[in-house]
Amino acid sequence: MVWNWTQHGWPHFAYDPDALEPLERRFLLLTGEVIGAVRHVSDDERDLLRIELLSDEAVKTSAIEGETLDRLSVQSSLRRQLGFDTDNRNVKPKERGIAEMMVDLYRSWADPLDADTLFGWHRMLMADSRHLETIGGYRRHEDAMQIVSGRQDRPTVHFEAPPSSRVRDEMAAYLAWFNGSAPDGDAPLPALTRAGIGHLYFESIHPFEDGNGRIG
C-alpha cells in the first residue's frame, strides 16, 4: 500500500480552490450573521452559549475516538475553568482534561501553534492514561502506528502513519505550514480550506500514541 506520506510531493496537498470558493463565502456569511446575533444577547446568555458550544465540541470530538463523556460533567468543568459558578460535582479526569484543553484552545486560538502547546493539550487529555509510554510528547515507540479494524488475527490496515523516527521533523514542517497559512501568515489560506488540510495533514502524521483525533 502506498500511503500519502510516501508519495512524491508530500505534504503538498492538491485541491480545487474554485470548488471550495462558494463554500468559503457561505461560511463567512453565516459566521458574520452569528457574530451579529451574539452581540445582541445578554452576558449571561453569551456565557451559556459559550459553555454549550465548547461542551458540544468536546463531547463530539471524543465520540469520534470511541470515548463517551458525561456532558454535564464536561460543562461543570468548563464553568469552573472559565471562572463561572458550578454545581461542584465530582468530575472524572477524562472530562476535566478535555474541558481544560477546550478552554486553553478558546483562550489561545489566535496564538501561533508550537510543540509545547500540543504537548500541554496531550497531558491534559491523557493524564489518567496509564497505558501510554509517552504523555506530553511525540510518540517514540518502534511499532508501526496503524489504523486497523477486523479480527485481531487478521486485521485490516486502513492506514499506516510515518514511523516515530520521522515524527519530530514531520511536525516541525506541519507547525511551519500551520502558522504560515494563518490569516496573518506568509501564505494565508481561507478558513475552511486551512481547517480541512490542517486536519488531514495532522492525522496523517499521527504524532501521538493516543488522542490524535481529539487534538486534531
Foldseek 3Di string as FASTA:
>chain_A
DQAPCNDPPPPPDDDDVVVCVVVLVVVVVVVVVVVVVLVPDDPVVNVVVVLVVLLVLLQVLCVVVVDHDDSLLLSQLLCVVVVHDHPPDDHDQQSNLSSVLSVVCVVCVPPQDDLQNVLSSQCSRCVPPPVFPDRSFFDDDQDWDFDWDDDPVDIDTPATADGLVCLVVLVVVLSLVLQQCPPPHVNHDRDVVSVVSSLVSQVNNVGHPDDSSVSD
